[in-house]
Each structure stands twice: as C-alpha cells, then as structure tokens.
Amino acid sequence: MRKGSIPENLNSVAERIVTACRSCDRRADSVTLLAVSKTRPAEDLRVAYDAGQRHFGENYLQEALDKQEALADCDIIWHFIGPLQSNKTRDVAVHFHWMHTVERLKIARRLSEQRPTGMPPLNVCLQVNIDEEDSKSGVSVEKLPELAASVAALPNLALRGLMAIPAPRGVAEDQRTPFIRLAGLLEDLKAQLPDQPLDTLSMGMSGDMEAAIFSGSTIVRIGTDIFGARK
C-alpha cells in the first residue's frame, strides 16, 4: 500500500473491509478494525483517533502504558496483542479492555485475580498455534478445548474467542485455509461452552485481511497499511 496520511490510510483500509464484506455477503460493521500501533508515537495514535479510530492494539507493555497516559483524554479501547510474561499481567488486567494472546492457564488466572473490583470482565482471546510452528506462540489445537474450559471458569474474564497468526501464504485461497480452520475451532468451542460469549475471531493483518474476512474474522489487526512501514 502506498503510504499516505494516516486518515487517508484509515479510509483506504475501511474501503477494503467494506469491499471484502460485500464479496462474502457480510455486513461491514461485523468487522472491527484494530489499529496496530506498536512503535508508533502517541501523536500518531491521536491523529488516527481524531480521524475516528477507537480500537488500538499494542504489543509492548511499557510503551503502551506511556501512550495511555499521554492519551488519557481519549476514549480509546485498548487491546494487548503481544506476548505477556506472568510477572507483567497486573498492568494488562488494570489498563486494558482486551487481551488477545492468552495461551497458558497461569496467565489467565493471574489476569482474573488481578482485574480490579468494579471493572467489567477483561475480554480475552486464546491464541492458537494454528500452523504448529515452533517459532510461534499459542496453544496447540489438541489442548485448546481443555484450556478454553479452564479459562471460561475464571470469574473476571470473558472468553470472547480465538486469535491466530498463521504462517505467511501468498495466494488468497491458501491464506484462507488456516483461517477457516480457526473458525471451525470456534464453532466447536461454542458447542462445548454454550454459556460463553464466543463471538470473536481475531485474525487477518495487512497482507491477508481479505482472506480472513472471507473466513469469518471479526477483528482485523492492521498496522503497516495505516501507519506505514515501521522504522
């Protein structure tokens, strides 16, 4: 994507979402655009916010906390989408609305225990290692049902769905394969855990967003096509 201004890029991505949804008979408002703002200064986030963007995803905790302080006057919905060590769960439990990368019960338990009284449950997605890559984080497909059942029992979390980062694939039809598999796993969990608000598939980035939407994505995580290449 040619680098334009942040508002121009947001409009272009929004148009892509509309086109992708139209091609598979989905409502455009069934897909949430999550602006991946890691390494970007707070000023860039404010420009995106002023252009109407509300959901922002951060990978690095201290960087995110600094931005939250700088943007405290904005009603931003903060998503944590990076790996998280167990000794840093408190800040996510206190300062975020969503956590996309739960892969271990220990992390989930700490998030539930540390969510402040009076706050709504923390929305969580379980990260699945959908392609079984050694280099990728995520629970295995085989262990997903057990982890989901355990997380669903925690009092201060809302188990919303699944997240994955598949291995890169060049052709749209090939890109759809892991996304369709993840969507099938979510349907299995809905049958297993009918009392949970399982309505979220966090999948699709700048290079495979259309394939993800075709396969049922409800949150696309877009960074480069909004903010440009990372410096």
Protein backbone atom coordinates (compact mmCIF):
# COMPACT_ATOMS: atom_id res chain seq x y z
CA MET A 1 0.00 0.00 0.00
CA ARG A 2 1.33 3.46 -0.89
CA LYS A 3 1.96 5.48 2.24
CA GLY A 4 -0.47 8.35 2.54
CA SER A 5 -1.56 10.29 5.58
CA ILE A 6 -2.93 8.31 8.49
CA PRO A 7 -6.54 9.47 7.86
CA GLU A 8 -6.20 8.61 4.16
CA ASN A 9 -4.85 5.19 5.03
CA LEU A 10 -7.65 4.56 7.51
CA ASN A 11 -10.18 5.39 4.80
CA SER A 12 -8.46 3.04 2.36
CA VAL A 13 -8.46 0.18 4.86
CA ALA A 14 -12.11 0.85 5.69
CA GLU A 15 -12.94 0.66 1.99
CA ARG A 16 -11.11 -2.67 1.73
CA ILE A 17 -13.14 -4.01 4.65
CA VAL A 18 -16.39 -2.90 3.01
CA THR A 19 -15.40 -4.49 -0.30
CA ALA A 20 -14.29 -7.73 1.36
CA CYS A 21 -17.51 -7.97 3.39
CA ARG A 22 -19.63 -7.27 0.32
CA SER A 23 -17.90 -10.08 -1.58
CA CYS A 24 -18.99 -12.65 1.03
CA ASP A 25 -22.38 -11.17 1.95
CA ARG A 26 -21.33 -9.84 5.34
CA ARG A 27 -22.20 -6.55 6.97
CA ALA A 28 -19.22 -4.19 7.08
CA ASP A 29 -19.93 -3.42 10.73
CA SER A 30 -19.40 -7.09 11.59
CA VAL A 31 -15.63 -6.48 11.32
CA THR A 32 -13.74 -4.26 13.78
CA LEU A 33 -10.61 -2.52 12.58
CA LEU A 34 -7.88 -2.78 15.21
CA ALA A 35 -5.08 -0.29 14.53
CA VAL A 36 -1.80 -1.96 15.50
CA SER A 37 0.16 0.95 16.90
CA LYS A 38 3.28 -0.66 18.34
CA THR A 39 6.43 1.51 17.96
CA ARG A 40 4.26 4.47 16.90
CA PRO A 41 4.37 7.69 18.92
CA ALA A 42 1.29 8.82 20.79
CA GLU A 43 0.96 11.68 18.33
CA ASP A 44 0.25 9.20 15.50
CA LEU A 45 -2.41 7.50 17.59
CA ARG A 46 -4.04 10.85 18.29
CA VAL A 47 -4.17 11.60 14.55
CA ALA A 48 -5.88 8.24 13.98
CA TYR A 49 -8.21 8.87 16.92
CA ASP A 50 -9.18 12.28 15.57
CA ALA A 51 -9.98 10.55 12.26
CA GLY A 52 -12.44 8.27 14.06
CA GLN A 53 -10.35 5.25 15.03
CA ARG A 54 -11.13 3.89 18.50
CA HIS A 55 -9.56 0.41 18.80
CA PHE A 56 -5.77 0.28 19.18
CA GLY A 57 -3.55 -2.77 19.64
CA GLU A 58 -0.23 -2.69 21.47
CA ASN A 59 2.48 -5.36 21.72
CA TYR A 60 4.89 -3.82 24.23
CA LEU A 61 3.56 -3.17 27.69
CA GLN A 62 5.64 -0.24 28.94
CA GLU A 63 5.31 1.54 25.60
CA ALA A 64 1.55 1.04 25.74
CA LEU A 65 1.29 2.37 29.30
CA ASP A 66 3.18 5.51 28.30
CA LYS A 67 0.77 6.07 25.39
CA GLN A 68 -2.24 5.50 27.61
CA GLU A 69 -1.00 8.24 29.93
CA ALA A 70 -0.40 10.61 27.02
CA LEU A 71 -3.84 9.87 25.57
CA ALA A 72 -5.81 9.75 28.80
CA ASP A 73 -8.30 12.28 27.43
CA CYS A 74 -9.29 9.90 24.59
CA ASP A 75 -11.91 7.16 24.98
CA ILE A 76 -9.67 4.54 23.36
CA ILE A 77 -10.41 0.81 23.58
CA TRP A 78 -7.03 -0.75 24.31
CA HIS A 79 -6.12 -4.26 23.12
CA PHE A 80 -2.98 -6.07 24.22
CA ILE A 81 -1.82 -8.27 21.34
CA GLY A 82 1.74 -9.21 22.26
CA PRO A 83 3.37 -11.94 24.33
CA LEU A 84 3.00 -11.42 28.06
CA GLN A 85 5.18 -12.64 30.90
CA SER A 86 3.42 -13.75 34.07
CA ASN A 87 5.13 -11.05 36.15
CA LYS A 88 3.56 -8.32 33.98
CA THR A 89 -0.07 -9.42 33.97
CA ARG A 90 -1.24 -6.86 36.53
CA ASP A 91 -0.83 -3.89 34.21
CA VAL A 92 -2.79 -5.63 31.45
CA ALA A 93 -5.51 -6.60 33.93
CA VAL A 94 -5.79 -3.00 35.13
CA HIS A 95 -5.27 -0.95 31.97
CA PHE A 96 -6.66 -2.90 29.00
CA HIS A 97 -10.09 -3.81 27.68
CA TRP A 98 -8.93 -6.80 25.60
CA MET A 99 -6.16 -9.41 25.77
CA HIS A 100 -5.68 -11.40 22.55
CA THR A 101 -2.76 -13.67 23.38
CA VAL A 102 -3.76 -15.94 26.26
CA GLU A 103 -2.04 -19.27 25.69
CA ARG A 104 -1.48 -20.57 29.23
CA LEU A 105 -3.81 -21.05 32.16
CA LYS A 106 -1.28 -19.42 34.51
CA ILE A 107 -1.55 -16.15 32.61
CA ALA A 108 -5.34 -16.33 32.54
CA ARG A 109 -5.56 -17.00 36.28
CA ARG A 110 -3.35 -14.04 37.08
CA LEU A 111 -5.35 -11.74 34.80
CA SER A 112 -8.57 -12.82 36.51
CA GLU A 113 -7.13 -12.44 40.01
CA GLN A 114 -5.67 -9.00 39.23
CA ARG A 115 -8.66 -7.50 37.42
CA PRO A 116 -9.80 -4.69 39.74
CA THR A 117 -13.12 -4.97 41.53
CA GLY A 118 -15.75 -2.89 39.83
CA MET A 119 -14.29 -3.18 36.35
CA PRO A 120 -16.10 -5.28 33.74
CA PRO A 121 -14.55 -8.65 32.91
CA LEU A 122 -11.42 -8.50 30.76
CA ASN A 123 -12.22 -9.68 27.23
CA VAL A 124 -9.79 -12.44 26.26
CA CYS A 125 -9.00 -14.44 23.17
CA LEU A 126 -6.99 -17.65 23.23
CA GLN A 127 -4.04 -17.61 20.86
CA VAL A 128 -3.88 -20.79 18.80
CA ASN A 129 -0.71 -22.01 17.09
CA ILE A 130 -2.79 -22.89 14.06
CA ASP A 131 0.12 -23.99 11.85
CA GLU A 132 2.01 -25.72 14.66
CA GLU A 133 5.10 -23.59 14.11
CA ASP A 134 7.96 -23.93 16.58
CA SER A 135 8.64 -20.21 16.30
CA LYS A 136 5.07 -19.14 17.13
CA SER A 137 3.32 -18.77 20.44
CA GLY A 138 -0.10 -20.25 21.06
CA VAL A 139 -1.90 -23.23 22.48
CA SER A 140 -1.98 -26.33 20.30
CA VAL A 141 -5.22 -27.34 18.61
CA GLU A 142 -5.27 -30.50 20.70
CA LYS A 143 -5.00 -28.65 24.03
CA LEU A 144 -7.39 -25.84 23.10
CA PRO A 145 -10.62 -27.40 24.49
CA GLU A 146 -9.05 -28.00 27.90
CA LEU A 147 -7.60 -24.50 28.12
CA ALA A 148 -10.87 -22.93 26.98
CA ALA A 149 -12.87 -24.77 29.63
CA SER A 150 -10.45 -23.67 32.36
CA VAL A 151 -10.42 -20.04 31.24
CA ALA A 152 -14.21 -19.98 30.95
CA ALA A 153 -14.44 -20.87 34.64
CA LEU A 154 -12.44 -17.83 35.77
CA PRO A 155 -14.67 -15.12 37.28
CA ASN A 156 -13.18 -11.89 35.95
CA LEU A 157 -12.57 -12.86 32.34
CA ALA A 158 -14.96 -13.01 29.39
CA LEU A 159 -13.82 -15.67 26.94
CA ARG A 160 -14.63 -13.99 23.63
CA GLY A 161 -12.90 -16.14 21.04
CA LEU A 162 -9.71 -17.13 19.27
CA MET A 163 -6.69 -15.40 17.76
CA ALA A 164 -4.02 -16.70 15.41
CA ILE A 165 -1.07 -15.56 13.31
CA PRO A 166 -0.76 -18.12 10.51
CA ALA A 167 2.40 -18.72 8.52
CA PRO A 168 2.61 -16.38 5.50
CA ARG A 169 0.91 -17.62 2.35
CA GLY A 170 0.96 -15.83 -0.98
CA VAL A 171 -2.30 -16.90 -2.62
CA ALA A 172 -5.71 -15.92 -1.23
CA GLU A 173 -7.09 -19.46 -1.37
CA ASP A 174 -4.10 -20.74 0.60
CA GLN A 175 -4.43 -17.87 3.08
CA ARG A 176 -7.98 -18.95 3.83
CA THR A 177 -7.02 -22.47 4.93
CA PRO A 178 -5.81 -21.69 8.49
CA PHE A 179 -8.49 -19.04 8.96
CA ILE A 180 -11.26 -21.46 8.05
CA ARG A 181 -9.74 -23.98 10.44
CA LEU A 182 -9.70 -21.41 13.26
CA ALA A 183 -13.32 -20.53 12.54
CA GLY A 184 -14.20 -24.22 12.81
CA LEU A 185 -12.44 -24.43 16.17
CA LEU A 186 -14.52 -21.50 17.42
CA GLU A 187 -17.70 -23.28 16.38
CA ASP A 188 -16.54 -26.35 18.31
CA LEU A 189 -15.98 -24.21 21.40
CA LYS A 190 -19.44 -22.68 21.09
CA ALA A 191 -20.91 -26.18 21.30
CA GLN A 192 -18.60 -27.06 24.20
CA LEU A 193 -19.20 -23.83 26.16
CA PRO A 194 -22.67 -22.54 25.27
CA ASP A 195 -22.74 -20.05 28.16
CA GLN A 196 -19.68 -18.13 26.95
CA PRO A 197 -19.84 -15.02 24.71
CA LEU A 198 -17.78 -16.69 21.98
CA ASP A 199 -18.23 -14.22 19.15
CA THR A 200 -14.70 -13.19 18.17
CA LEU A 201 -12.13 -14.29 15.61
CA SER A 202 -9.07 -12.05 15.82
CA MET A 203 -7.34 -12.86 12.55
CA GLY A 204 -6.07 -11.09 9.48
CA MET A 205 -3.38 -8.46 9.00
CA SER A 206 -2.39 -6.09 6.22
CA GLY A 207 -1.37 -8.83 3.80
CA ASP A 208 -4.21 -11.31 4.33
CA MET A 209 -7.12 -9.23 5.61
CA GLU A 210 -9.49 -10.11 2.76
CA ALA A 211 -8.92 -13.85 3.19
CA ALA A 212 -9.54 -13.52 6.92
CA ILE A 213 -12.79 -11.61 6.43
CA PHE A 214 -13.97 -14.16 3.89
CA SER A 215 -13.32 -16.84 6.53
CA GLY A 216 -15.25 -15.10 9.32
CA SER A 217 -12.83 -12.69 11.01
CA THR A 218 -14.47 -10.19 13.36
CA ILE A 219 -11.29 -8.25 14.26
CA VAL A 220 -8.56 -7.47 11.73
CA ARG A 221 -5.24 -6.25 13.10
CA ILE A 222 -3.79 -3.67 10.72
CA GLY A 223 -0.58 -1.74 11.31
CA THR A 224 1.54 -1.15 8.20
CA ASP A 225 -1.35 -0.16 5.96
CA ILE A 226 -2.42 2.51 8.46
CA PHE A 227 0.84 3.85 9.85
CA GLY A 228 3.32 2.79 7.14
CA ALA A 229 6.37 0.57 7.47
CA ARG A 230 7.89 0.50 10.95
CA LYS A 231 11.08 2.48 11.33
